[in-house]
Amino acid sequence: MSRARVVDAADAERRRIERNLHDGAQQRLVSVAMSLGQAKSRVSATDDVVLKGLLDDAHREAKNAIGEIRTLTRGLHPPILTDRGLDAALSSVAALCTIPVSIDIDPALTGERRLDATAESTVYFVVSEALTNVGKHADASHVQVDVVRGESSVSVTVIDDGCGGAHLEPGGGLAGLADRLSGIDGTLTVTSPSGGPTRVEVTIPCE
């Protein structure tokens, strides 16, 4: 099996796991949290302080578990990418970043004119990982993301005005992206002189 087919198979499996978590465990936990909330409202009028405390704890933990599953499913394959496309998915990633992010997406990638599933998910994970790295290490005040479609590829450029010094550290997020990209004949280049800016450039083959 070629590396590209391995990447495709892994993406399909991530989508399957995301659907199962969303439609199964997450929905069950939502039901549990609602039941606990109803139980709290009935007990609150009584004098059973211990029982009320236990219900409060259980309700809080159920809501925490729901939040953790939602975070996990976004990392596997975000539902918004499947349902609403790349523009909405990247906007949601940018909204989670602690640093102001500007995103310019080629109009050829918006609306119903979508990339194939592998290219689309790769763009998403490239931007997500790049923004995560900026938030953790760059000490930046702004990030610019550009996504442009060519004839047979899509290019992603992420530039931040931080301190620079980024590199492909073994086991790190950018190195993981490089491995993923090599499996689909994509490329990743990081230019990050000391003092910045840092420029991450990615090319992804697409249909």
N, C-alpha and C. Protein backbone atom coordinates (compact mmCIF):
# COMPACT_ATOMS: atom_id res chain seq x y z
N MET A 1 0.85 -1.20 0.00
CA MET A 1 0.00 0.00 0.00
C MET A 1 0.89 1.25 0.00
N SER A 2 0.61 2.21 -0.89
CA SER A 2 1.40 3.43 -0.96
C SER A 2 1.17 4.28 0.28
N ARG A 3 2.12 5.20 0.54
CA ARG A 3 1.98 6.07 1.70
C ARG A 3 0.77 6.97 1.57
N ALA A 4 0.46 7.39 0.34
CA ALA A 4 -0.72 8.23 0.15
C ALA A 4 -1.99 7.48 0.53
N ARG A 5 -2.06 6.20 0.17
CA ARG A 5 -3.24 5.40 0.53
C ARG A 5 -3.29 5.17 2.03
N VAL A 6 -2.14 5.06 2.66
CA VAL A 6 -2.11 4.92 4.12
C VAL A 6 -2.68 6.18 4.78
N VAL A 7 -2.28 7.35 4.27
CA VAL A 7 -2.82 8.61 4.80
C VAL A 7 -4.33 8.68 4.59
N ASP A 8 -4.79 8.29 3.39
CA ASP A 8 -6.24 8.30 3.11
C ASP A 8 -6.98 7.38 4.06
N ALA A 9 -6.42 6.18 4.28
CA ALA A 9 -7.06 5.22 5.18
C ALA A 9 -7.10 5.74 6.61
N ALA A 10 -6.01 6.39 7.03
CA ALA A 10 -5.97 6.94 8.39
C ALA A 10 -6.99 8.06 8.55
N ASP A 11 -7.13 8.90 7.53
CA ASP A 11 -8.13 9.98 7.58
C ASP A 11 -9.54 9.41 7.66
N ALA A 12 -9.81 8.37 6.88
CA ALA A 12 -11.13 7.75 6.90
C ALA A 12 -11.42 7.14 8.28
N GLU A 13 -10.40 6.53 8.87
CA GLU A 13 -10.59 5.95 10.21
C GLU A 13 -10.82 7.03 11.25
N ARG A 14 -10.11 8.15 11.14
CA ARG A 14 -10.35 9.26 12.07
C ARG A 14 -11.78 9.78 11.95
N ARG A 15 -12.27 9.88 10.72
CA ARG A 15 -13.65 10.34 10.54
C ARG A 15 -14.64 9.36 11.15
N ARG A 16 -14.37 8.05 11.01
CA ARG A 16 -15.26 7.05 11.59
C ARG A 16 -15.27 7.15 13.10
N ILE A 17 -14.10 7.28 13.72
CA ILE A 17 -14.02 7.39 15.18
C ILE A 17 -14.72 8.65 15.66
N GLU A 18 -14.52 9.76 14.92
CA GLU A 18 -15.18 11.01 15.30
C GLU A 18 -16.69 10.86 15.30
N ARG A 19 -17.23 10.22 14.25
CA ARG A 19 -18.68 10.02 14.17
C ARG A 19 -19.18 9.15 15.32
N ASN A 20 -18.43 8.08 15.63
CA ASN A 20 -18.85 7.19 16.71
C ASN A 20 -18.83 7.90 18.06
N LEU A 21 -17.80 8.70 18.30
CA LEU A 21 -17.74 9.44 19.56
C LEU A 21 -18.86 10.47 19.65
N HIS A 22 -19.08 11.18 18.55
CA HIS A 22 -20.10 12.23 18.55
C HIS A 22 -21.50 11.65 18.71
N ASP A 23 -21.79 10.59 17.96
CA ASP A 23 -23.15 10.03 17.97
C ASP A 23 -23.38 9.06 19.12
N GLY A 24 -22.29 8.54 19.71
CA GLY A 24 -22.42 7.56 20.78
C GLY A 24 -22.13 8.12 22.15
N ALA A 25 -20.85 8.09 22.53
CA ALA A 25 -20.46 8.47 23.90
C ALA A 25 -20.86 9.90 24.24
N GLN A 26 -20.66 10.83 23.32
CA GLN A 26 -20.97 12.22 23.63
C GLN A 26 -22.47 12.41 23.89
N GLN A 27 -23.30 11.79 23.06
CA GLN A 27 -24.75 11.94 23.25
C GLN A 27 -25.21 11.30 24.55
N ARG A 28 -24.60 10.18 24.91
CA ARG A 28 -24.96 9.53 26.18
C ARG A 28 -24.58 10.42 27.36
N LEU A 29 -23.41 11.05 27.29
CA LEU A 29 -22.98 11.94 28.37
C LEU A 29 -23.87 13.18 28.46
N VAL A 30 -24.30 13.69 27.32
CA VAL A 30 -25.23 14.82 27.34
C VAL A 30 -26.52 14.43 28.05
N SER A 31 -27.01 13.22 27.77
CA SER A 31 -28.22 12.73 28.43
C SER A 31 -28.01 12.59 29.94
N VAL A 32 -26.85 12.05 30.33
CA VAL A 32 -26.53 11.90 31.75
C VAL A 32 -26.47 13.26 32.43
N ALA A 33 -25.80 14.23 31.78
CA ALA A 33 -25.68 15.57 32.37
C ALA A 33 -27.05 16.21 32.55
N MET A 34 -27.95 16.02 31.58
CA MET A 34 -29.29 16.58 31.70
C MET A 34 -30.05 15.95 32.86
N SER A 35 -29.92 14.62 33.00
CA SER A 35 -30.60 13.93 34.10
C SER A 35 -30.06 14.39 35.45
N LEU A 36 -28.75 14.56 35.54
CA LEU A 36 -28.15 15.03 36.79
C LEU A 36 -28.60 16.45 37.10
N GLY A 37 -28.72 17.28 36.06
CA GLY A 37 -29.20 18.64 36.28
C GLY A 37 -30.62 18.67 36.81
N GLN A 38 -31.46 17.78 36.28
CA GLN A 38 -32.83 17.69 36.78
C GLN A 38 -32.86 17.19 38.22
N ALA A 39 -31.99 16.22 38.52
CA ALA A 39 -31.93 15.70 39.89
C ALA A 39 -31.48 16.78 40.86
N LYS A 40 -30.51 17.61 40.43
CA LYS A 40 -30.04 18.71 41.28
C LYS A 40 -31.17 19.68 41.62
N SER A 41 -32.00 19.98 40.63
CA SER A 41 -33.08 20.95 40.87
C SER A 41 -34.10 20.41 41.87
N ARG A 42 -34.25 19.11 41.93
CA ARG A 42 -35.21 18.53 42.87
C ARG A 42 -34.63 18.43 44.27
N VAL A 43 -33.34 18.15 44.36
CA VAL A 43 -32.71 17.98 45.67
C VAL A 43 -32.41 19.32 46.32
N SER A 44 -32.24 20.37 45.51
CA SER A 44 -31.82 21.66 46.06
C SER A 44 -32.81 22.21 47.08
N ALA A 45 -34.04 21.77 46.99
CA ALA A 45 -35.05 22.28 47.94
C ALA A 45 -35.06 21.49 49.24
N THR A 46 -34.28 20.45 49.32
CA THR A 46 -34.24 19.62 50.53
C THR A 46 -33.07 20.04 51.41
N ASP A 47 -32.96 19.37 52.55
CA ASP A 47 -31.86 19.66 53.48
C ASP A 47 -30.71 18.67 53.35
N ASP A 48 -30.74 17.80 52.33
CA ASP A 48 -29.70 16.78 52.17
C ASP A 48 -28.48 17.40 51.49
N VAL A 49 -27.64 18.03 52.28
CA VAL A 49 -26.48 18.75 51.75
C VAL A 49 -25.49 17.79 51.10
N VAL A 50 -25.30 16.62 51.71
CA VAL A 50 -24.33 15.65 51.17
C VAL A 50 -24.76 15.18 49.79
N LEU A 51 -26.03 14.81 49.64
CA LEU A 51 -26.53 14.35 48.35
C LEU A 51 -26.43 15.45 47.29
N LYS A 52 -26.76 16.67 47.69
CA LYS A 52 -26.65 17.79 46.74
C LYS A 52 -25.21 17.98 46.29
N GLY A 53 -24.27 17.85 47.22
CA GLY A 53 -22.86 17.99 46.86
C GLY A 53 -22.41 16.91 45.89
N LEU A 54 -22.87 15.68 46.12
CA LEU A 54 -22.51 14.58 45.22
C LEU A 54 -23.08 14.81 43.82
N LEU A 55 -24.32 15.28 43.75
CA LEU A 55 -24.92 15.56 42.46
C LEU A 55 -24.22 16.71 41.74
N ASP A 56 -23.83 17.73 42.50
CA ASP A 56 -23.08 18.85 41.92
C ASP A 56 -21.78 18.35 41.29
N ASP A 57 -21.07 17.50 42.04
CA ASP A 57 -19.79 16.96 41.54
C ASP A 57 -20.00 16.11 40.28
N ALA A 58 -21.02 15.25 40.32
CA ALA A 58 -21.28 14.37 39.18
C ALA A 58 -21.68 15.18 37.94
N HIS A 59 -22.50 16.21 38.15
CA HIS A 59 -22.93 17.06 37.04
C HIS A 59 -21.74 17.79 36.42
N ARG A 60 -20.87 18.31 37.27
CA ARG A 60 -19.69 19.02 36.78
C ARG A 60 -18.77 18.09 36.01
N GLU A 61 -18.54 16.88 36.53
CA GLU A 61 -17.65 15.94 35.86
C GLU A 61 -18.23 15.48 34.52
N ALA A 62 -19.56 15.31 34.47
CA ALA A 62 -20.18 14.93 33.20
C ALA A 62 -19.97 16.02 32.15
N LYS A 63 -20.14 17.27 32.55
CA LYS A 63 -19.94 18.38 31.60
C LYS A 63 -18.47 18.48 31.20
N ASN A 64 -17.55 18.22 32.13
CA ASN A 64 -16.13 18.23 31.79
C ASN A 64 -15.81 17.13 30.78
N ALA A 65 -16.41 15.95 30.98
CA ALA A 65 -16.18 14.84 30.06
C ALA A 65 -16.70 15.17 28.66
N ILE A 66 -17.85 15.83 28.59
CA ILE A 66 -18.39 16.24 27.29
C ILE A 66 -17.42 17.20 26.59
N GLY A 67 -16.88 18.14 27.35
CA GLY A 67 -15.91 19.08 26.79
C GLY A 67 -14.66 18.39 26.28
N GLU A 68 -14.19 17.38 27.04
CA GLU A 68 -12.99 16.66 26.62
C GLU A 68 -13.23 15.85 25.35
N ILE A 69 -14.41 15.24 25.24
CA ILE A 69 -14.73 14.48 24.04
C ILE A 69 -14.82 15.41 22.83
N ARG A 70 -15.42 16.58 23.03
CA ARG A 70 -15.51 17.54 21.92
C ARG A 70 -14.14 17.99 21.46
N THR A 71 -13.24 18.21 22.42
CA THR A 71 -11.86 18.58 22.08
C THR A 71 -11.18 17.45 21.32
N LEU A 72 -11.39 16.22 21.78
CA LEU A 72 -10.79 15.05 21.13
C LEU A 72 -11.30 14.89 19.71
N THR A 73 -12.61 15.03 19.52
CA THR A 73 -13.16 14.84 18.17
C THR A 73 -12.70 15.93 17.21
N ARG A 74 -12.52 17.15 17.73
CA ARG A 74 -11.97 18.20 16.86
C ARG A 74 -10.58 17.84 16.40
N GLY A 75 -9.78 17.21 17.29
CA GLY A 75 -8.44 16.82 16.91
C GLY A 75 -8.41 15.67 15.93
N LEU A 76 -9.40 14.76 16.02
CA LEU A 76 -9.45 13.63 15.10
C LEU A 76 -9.88 14.09 13.71
N HIS A 77 -11.02 14.70 13.63
CA HIS A 77 -11.54 15.24 12.38
C HIS A 77 -12.70 16.15 12.74
N PRO A 78 -12.52 17.45 12.66
CA PRO A 78 -13.55 18.37 13.14
C PRO A 78 -14.84 18.28 12.33
N PRO A 79 -15.98 18.11 12.98
CA PRO A 79 -17.25 18.04 12.24
C PRO A 79 -17.50 19.26 11.37
N ILE A 80 -17.05 20.42 11.83
CA ILE A 80 -17.30 21.65 11.06
C ILE A 80 -16.62 21.60 9.69
N LEU A 81 -15.50 20.87 9.59
CA LEU A 81 -14.81 20.75 8.30
C LEU A 81 -15.67 19.96 7.32
N THR A 82 -16.26 18.88 7.79
CA THR A 82 -17.13 18.07 6.94
C THR A 82 -18.42 18.80 6.60
N ASP A 83 -19.00 19.45 7.61
CA ASP A 83 -20.33 20.04 7.45
C ASP A 83 -20.31 21.38 6.73
N ARG A 84 -19.29 22.21 7.00
CA ARG A 84 -19.34 23.59 6.50
C ARG A 84 -18.13 23.99 5.65
N GLY A 85 -17.13 23.13 5.56
CA GLY A 85 -16.03 23.41 4.67
C GLY A 85 -14.84 24.08 5.33
N LEU A 86 -13.81 24.31 4.51
CA LEU A 86 -12.52 24.77 4.99
C LEU A 86 -12.57 26.18 5.58
N ASP A 87 -13.29 27.07 4.95
CA ASP A 87 -13.34 28.46 5.42
C ASP A 87 -13.85 28.52 6.85
N ALA A 88 -14.98 27.87 7.12
CA ALA A 88 -15.55 27.87 8.46
C ALA A 88 -14.65 27.14 9.45
N ALA A 89 -14.04 26.03 9.01
CA ALA A 89 -13.19 25.26 9.92
C ALA A 89 -11.95 26.05 10.33
N LEU A 90 -11.32 26.73 9.38
CA LEU A 90 -10.13 27.52 9.71
C LEU A 90 -10.49 28.72 10.58
N SER A 91 -11.65 29.30 10.34
CA SER A 91 -12.10 30.41 11.18
C SER A 91 -12.30 29.96 12.62
N SER A 92 -12.80 28.73 12.80
CA SER A 92 -13.00 28.21 14.16
C SER A 92 -11.67 27.96 14.85
N VAL A 93 -10.67 27.51 14.10
CA VAL A 93 -9.32 27.31 14.66
C VAL A 93 -8.73 28.65 15.07
N ALA A 94 -8.86 29.65 14.20
CA ALA A 94 -8.32 30.97 14.49
C ALA A 94 -8.97 31.58 15.73
N ALA A 95 -10.26 31.31 15.91
CA ALA A 95 -10.97 31.87 17.06
C ALA A 95 -10.46 31.31 18.38
N LEU A 96 -9.88 30.11 18.34
CA LEU A 96 -9.35 29.49 19.55
C LEU A 96 -7.94 29.96 19.87
N CYS A 97 -7.28 30.61 18.92
CA CYS A 97 -5.90 31.06 19.12
C CYS A 97 -5.88 32.28 20.04
N THR A 98 -4.90 32.32 20.92
CA THR A 98 -4.78 33.44 21.86
C THR A 98 -4.16 34.68 21.21
N ILE A 99 -3.69 34.54 19.97
CA ILE A 99 -3.06 35.64 19.24
C ILE A 99 -3.96 36.02 18.06
N PRO A 100 -4.11 37.31 17.74
CA PRO A 100 -4.93 37.69 16.59
C PRO A 100 -4.45 37.03 15.30
N VAL A 101 -5.38 36.46 14.55
CA VAL A 101 -5.07 35.73 13.32
C VAL A 101 -5.88 36.31 12.16
N SER A 102 -5.20 36.59 11.06
CA SER A 102 -5.88 37.00 9.82
C SER A 102 -5.77 35.84 8.83
N ILE A 103 -6.90 35.45 8.24
CA ILE A 103 -6.91 34.34 7.30
C ILE A 103 -7.45 34.81 5.95
N ASP A 104 -6.67 34.58 4.90
CA ASP A 104 -7.10 34.85 3.53
C ASP A 104 -7.17 33.53 2.78
N ILE A 105 -8.37 33.16 2.34
CA ILE A 105 -8.58 31.90 1.64
C ILE A 105 -8.99 32.18 0.20
N ASP A 106 -8.34 31.50 -0.71
CA ASP A 106 -8.66 31.63 -2.13
C ASP A 106 -10.16 31.38 -2.34
N PRO A 107 -10.85 32.28 -3.05
CA PRO A 107 -12.27 32.07 -3.33
C PRO A 107 -12.56 30.73 -4.01
N ALA A 108 -11.54 30.19 -4.70
CA ALA A 108 -11.72 28.89 -5.36
C ALA A 108 -11.89 27.75 -4.36
N LEU A 109 -11.66 28.03 -3.07
CA LEU A 109 -11.77 27.00 -2.04
C LEU A 109 -13.00 27.20 -1.17
N THR A 110 -13.83 28.15 -1.50
CA THR A 110 -15.00 28.44 -0.67
C THR A 110 -16.27 27.96 -1.37
N GLY A 111 -17.36 27.99 -0.62
CA GLY A 111 -18.62 27.53 -1.18
C GLY A 111 -18.60 26.05 -1.47
N GLU A 112 -19.14 25.66 -2.61
CA GLU A 112 -19.22 24.24 -2.97
C GLU A 112 -17.98 23.75 -3.70
N ARG A 113 -17.05 24.64 -3.98
CA ARG A 113 -15.83 24.26 -4.71
C ARG A 113 -14.78 23.78 -3.71
N ARG A 114 -14.93 22.53 -3.29
CA ARG A 114 -14.09 22.03 -2.20
C ARG A 114 -12.97 21.14 -2.71
N LEU A 115 -11.92 21.05 -1.89
CA LEU A 115 -10.82 20.14 -2.17
C LEU A 115 -11.26 18.71 -1.91
N ASP A 116 -10.44 17.75 -2.39
CA ASP A 116 -10.68 16.37 -2.00
C ASP A 116 -10.44 16.23 -0.50
N ALA A 117 -11.01 15.19 0.10
CA ALA A 117 -11.02 15.05 1.56
C ALA A 117 -9.63 15.05 2.17
N THR A 118 -8.67 14.36 1.52
CA THR A 118 -7.32 14.28 2.08
C THR A 118 -6.65 15.65 2.07
N ALA A 119 -6.73 16.36 0.95
CA ALA A 119 -6.11 17.69 0.87
C ALA A 119 -6.77 18.65 1.85
N GLU A 120 -8.09 18.60 1.94
CA GLU A 120 -8.82 19.51 2.82
C GLU A 120 -8.44 19.30 4.28
N SER A 121 -8.41 18.03 4.71
CA SER A 121 -8.06 17.77 6.11
C SER A 121 -6.60 18.11 6.38
N THR A 122 -5.73 17.92 5.38
CA THR A 122 -4.32 18.26 5.58
C THR A 122 -4.14 19.76 5.75
N VAL A 123 -4.83 20.56 4.94
CA VAL A 123 -4.78 22.02 5.12
C VAL A 123 -5.23 22.38 6.53
N TYR A 124 -6.31 21.79 6.97
CA TYR A 124 -6.83 22.08 8.31
C TYR A 124 -5.79 21.78 9.38
N PHE A 125 -5.20 20.58 9.33
CA PHE A 125 -4.25 20.20 10.38
C PHE A 125 -2.95 21.00 10.29
N VAL A 126 -2.55 21.40 9.09
CA VAL A 126 -1.37 22.25 8.95
C VAL A 126 -1.59 23.58 9.67
N VAL A 127 -2.71 24.23 9.39
CA VAL A 127 -3.00 25.52 10.01
C VAL A 127 -3.18 25.36 11.52
N SER A 128 -3.89 24.32 11.93
CA SER A 128 -4.12 24.09 13.35
C SER A 128 -2.81 23.90 14.11
N GLU A 129 -1.92 23.07 13.57
CA GLU A 129 -0.64 22.81 14.24
C GLU A 129 0.25 24.05 14.22
N ALA A 130 0.26 24.77 13.10
CA ALA A 130 1.09 25.98 13.02
C ALA A 130 0.63 27.02 14.04
N LEU A 131 -0.68 27.20 14.18
CA LEU A 131 -1.19 28.17 15.16
C LEU A 131 -0.92 27.72 16.58
N THR A 132 -0.99 26.42 16.82
CA THR A 132 -0.67 25.89 18.15
C THR A 132 0.78 26.20 18.50
N ASN A 133 1.68 25.99 17.54
CA ASN A 133 3.10 26.28 17.78
C ASN A 133 3.34 27.76 18.03
N VAL A 134 2.67 28.61 17.28
CA VAL A 134 2.82 30.05 17.48
C VAL A 134 2.37 30.43 18.89
N GLY A 135 1.22 29.90 19.30
CA GLY A 135 0.70 30.22 20.62
C GLY A 135 1.60 29.77 21.75
N LYS A 136 2.30 28.65 21.55
CA LYS A 136 3.15 28.10 22.60
C LYS A 136 4.54 28.73 22.66
N HIS A 137 5.09 29.05 21.48
CA HIS A 137 6.52 29.36 21.45
C HIS A 137 6.93 30.70 20.86
N ALA A 138 6.06 31.34 20.10
CA ALA A 138 6.55 32.44 19.25
C ALA A 138 6.59 33.80 19.92
N ASP A 139 5.80 34.01 20.98
CA ASP A 139 5.69 35.34 21.58
C ASP A 139 5.32 36.37 20.51
N ALA A 140 4.33 36.00 19.69
CA ALA A 140 3.93 36.85 18.57
C ALA A 140 2.73 37.72 18.93
N SER A 141 2.52 38.77 18.13
CA SER A 141 1.36 39.63 18.33
C SER A 141 0.35 39.50 17.19
N HIS A 142 0.75 38.81 16.10
CA HIS A 142 -0.17 38.65 14.97
C HIS A 142 0.30 37.48 14.10
N VAL A 143 -0.67 36.80 13.50
CA VAL A 143 -0.38 35.70 12.57
C VAL A 143 -1.18 35.92 11.29
N GLN A 144 -0.52 35.71 10.16
CA GLN A 144 -1.18 35.79 8.86
C GLN A 144 -1.20 34.40 8.23
N VAL A 145 -2.38 33.96 7.81
CA VAL A 145 -2.54 32.66 7.15
C VAL A 145 -3.09 32.90 5.74
N ASP A 146 -2.41 32.36 4.74
CA ASP A 146 -2.87 32.46 3.35
C ASP A 146 -3.01 31.06 2.77
N VAL A 147 -4.14 30.79 2.15
CA VAL A 147 -4.39 29.49 1.52
C VAL A 147 -4.78 29.76 0.07
N VAL A 148 -3.98 29.24 -0.87
CA VAL A 148 -4.17 29.54 -2.29
C VAL A 148 -4.19 28.23 -3.09
N ARG A 149 -5.15 28.12 -3.99
CA ARG A 149 -5.23 26.92 -4.82
C ARG A 149 -4.56 27.15 -6.17
N GLY A 150 -3.72 26.18 -6.57
CA GLY A 150 -3.13 26.18 -7.89
C GLY A 150 -3.82 25.15 -8.77
N GLU A 151 -3.19 24.81 -9.90
CA GLU A 151 -3.80 23.86 -10.82
C GLU A 151 -3.88 22.46 -10.23
N SER A 152 -2.83 22.04 -9.56
CA SER A 152 -2.80 20.67 -9.03
C SER A 152 -2.35 20.61 -7.58
N SER A 153 -2.32 21.76 -6.92
CA SER A 153 -1.90 21.78 -5.52
C SER A 153 -2.50 22.98 -4.81
N VAL A 154 -2.46 22.94 -3.50
CA VAL A 154 -2.88 24.08 -2.69
C VAL A 154 -1.71 24.46 -1.80
N SER A 155 -1.45 25.75 -1.69
CA SER A 155 -0.34 26.21 -0.86
C SER A 155 -0.88 26.90 0.39
N VAL A 156 -0.21 26.65 1.49
CA VAL A 156 -0.56 27.26 2.78
C VAL A 156 0.67 27.98 3.30
N THR A 157 0.50 29.24 3.66
CA THR A 157 1.59 30.02 4.24
C THR A 157 1.12 30.61 5.56
N VAL A 158 1.91 30.37 6.61
CA VAL A 158 1.60 30.90 7.94
C VAL A 158 2.79 31.73 8.40
N ILE A 159 2.57 33.01 8.63
CA ILE A 159 3.65 33.93 9.03
C ILE A 159 3.29 34.58 10.36
N ASP A 160 4.22 34.52 11.31
CA ASP A 160 4.00 35.22 12.58
C ASP A 160 5.14 36.19 12.83
N ASP A 161 4.87 37.22 13.64
CA ASP A 161 5.86 38.25 13.91
C ASP A 161 6.56 38.02 15.25
N GLY A 162 6.69 36.76 15.62
CA GLY A 162 7.28 36.42 16.91
C GLY A 162 8.79 36.40 16.91
N CYS A 163 9.35 35.68 17.87
CA CYS A 163 10.79 35.73 18.15
C CYS A 163 11.63 34.84 17.25
N GLY A 164 11.00 33.99 16.43
CA GLY A 164 11.77 33.13 15.54
C GLY A 164 12.38 31.94 16.26
N GLY A 165 13.27 31.25 15.55
CA GLY A 165 13.94 30.10 16.13
C GLY A 165 13.18 28.79 16.04
N ALA A 166 12.09 28.75 15.28
CA ALA A 166 11.33 27.51 15.13
C ALA A 166 12.08 26.54 14.22
N HIS A 167 11.95 25.24 14.50
CA HIS A 167 12.60 24.23 13.67
C HIS A 167 11.84 22.91 13.78
N LEU A 168 12.18 21.98 12.91
CA LEU A 168 11.52 20.67 12.90
C LEU A 168 12.16 19.78 13.95
N GLU A 169 11.69 19.88 15.15
CA GLU A 169 12.22 19.07 16.25
C GLU A 169 11.63 17.67 16.19
N PRO A 170 12.47 16.62 16.25
CA PRO A 170 11.95 15.24 16.21
C PRO A 170 10.88 15.03 17.28
N GLY A 171 9.76 14.47 16.85
CA GLY A 171 8.66 14.24 17.78
C GLY A 171 7.75 15.43 17.97
N GLY A 172 8.12 16.58 17.41
CA GLY A 172 7.31 17.78 17.55
C GLY A 172 6.18 17.83 16.53
N GLY A 173 5.31 18.82 16.70
CA GLY A 173 4.15 18.93 15.82
C GLY A 173 4.51 19.20 14.38
N LEU A 174 5.48 20.08 14.13
CA LEU A 174 5.87 20.38 12.75
C LEU A 174 6.51 19.18 12.08
N ALA A 175 7.30 18.41 12.84
CA ALA A 175 7.90 17.19 12.29
C ALA A 175 6.81 16.18 11.92
N GLY A 176 5.78 16.11 12.74
CA GLY A 176 4.66 15.22 12.43
C GLY A 176 3.95 15.64 11.15
N LEU A 177 3.81 16.95 10.96
CA LEU A 177 3.22 17.44 9.72
C LEU A 177 4.08 17.09 8.52
N ALA A 178 5.40 17.22 8.68
CA ALA A 178 6.31 16.89 7.59
C ALA A 178 6.16 15.42 7.19
N ASP A 179 6.01 14.54 8.18
CA ASP A 179 5.82 13.11 7.88
C ASP A 179 4.51 12.89 7.13
N ARG A 180 3.45 13.54 7.60
CA ARG A 180 2.15 13.40 6.93
C ARG A 180 2.23 13.90 5.48
N LEU A 181 2.87 15.04 5.29
CA LEU A 181 2.97 15.62 3.96
C LEU A 181 3.80 14.76 3.02
N SER A 182 4.86 14.15 3.54
CA SER A 182 5.69 13.31 2.69
C SER A 182 4.90 12.11 2.17
N GLY A 183 3.89 11.68 2.94
CA GLY A 183 3.07 10.55 2.53
C GLY A 183 2.14 10.85 1.37
N ILE A 184 1.91 12.14 1.10
CA ILE A 184 1.04 12.52 -0.03
C ILE A 184 1.79 13.38 -1.04
N ASP A 185 3.14 13.29 -0.99
CA ASP A 185 4.00 14.06 -1.90
C ASP A 185 3.86 15.56 -1.71
N GLY A 186 3.58 15.98 -0.49
CA GLY A 186 3.55 17.40 -0.16
C GLY A 186 4.90 17.85 0.37
N THR A 187 5.04 19.15 0.60
CA THR A 187 6.30 19.70 1.10
C THR A 187 6.02 20.67 2.24
N LEU A 188 7.00 20.80 3.11
CA LEU A 188 6.94 21.77 4.21
C LEU A 188 8.29 22.44 4.35
N THR A 189 8.28 23.76 4.40
CA THR A 189 9.50 24.54 4.60
C THR A 189 9.29 25.51 5.75
N VAL A 190 10.24 25.56 6.67
CA VAL A 190 10.18 26.48 7.80
C VAL A 190 11.36 27.43 7.72
N THR A 191 11.08 28.73 7.66
CA THR A 191 12.11 29.76 7.70
C THR A 191 11.88 30.59 8.95
N SER A 192 12.84 30.54 9.88
CA SER A 192 12.60 31.16 11.18
C SER A 192 13.90 31.68 11.80
N PRO A 193 14.43 32.79 11.26
CA PRO A 193 15.66 33.34 11.83
C PRO A 193 15.43 33.85 13.25
N SER A 194 16.50 33.91 14.02
CA SER A 194 16.40 34.45 15.37
C SER A 194 15.90 35.88 15.32
N GLY A 195 14.89 36.19 16.10
CA GLY A 195 14.28 37.50 16.07
C GLY A 195 13.06 37.58 15.18
N GLY A 196 12.85 36.51 14.38
CA GLY A 196 11.66 36.43 13.54
C GLY A 196 11.80 37.19 12.23
N PRO A 197 10.78 37.19 11.41
CA PRO A 197 9.54 36.44 11.60
C PRO A 197 9.70 34.97 11.24
N THR A 198 8.71 34.17 11.59
CA THR A 198 8.70 32.76 11.22
C THR A 198 7.71 32.56 10.08
N ARG A 199 8.17 31.83 9.07
CA ARG A 199 7.35 31.58 7.88
C ARG A 199 7.28 30.07 7.64
N VAL A 200 6.08 29.52 7.70
CA VAL A 200 5.85 28.10 7.42
C VAL A 200 5.14 28.02 6.08
N GLU A 201 5.76 27.33 5.12
CA GLU A 201 5.18 27.20 3.78
C GLU A 201 4.94 25.73 3.46
N VAL A 202 3.74 25.42 3.03
CA VAL A 202 3.34 24.04 2.76
C VAL A 202 2.70 23.96 1.38
N THR A 203 3.04 22.91 0.65
CA THR A 203 2.39 22.61 -0.63
C THR A 203 1.74 21.24 -0.53
N ILE A 204 0.47 21.17 -0.91
CA ILE A 204 -0.31 19.94 -0.78
C ILE A 204 -0.91 19.59 -2.14
N PRO A 205 -0.60 18.42 -2.69
CA PRO A 205 -1.25 18.01 -3.94
C PRO A 205 -2.76 17.90 -3.75
N CYS A 206 -3.53 18.24 -4.78
CA CYS A 206 -4.98 18.12 -4.68
C CYS A 206 -5.57 17.76 -6.03
N GLU A 207 -6.78 17.27 -5.99
CA GLU A 207 -7.48 16.90 -7.22
C GLU A 207 -8.39 18.05 -7.67
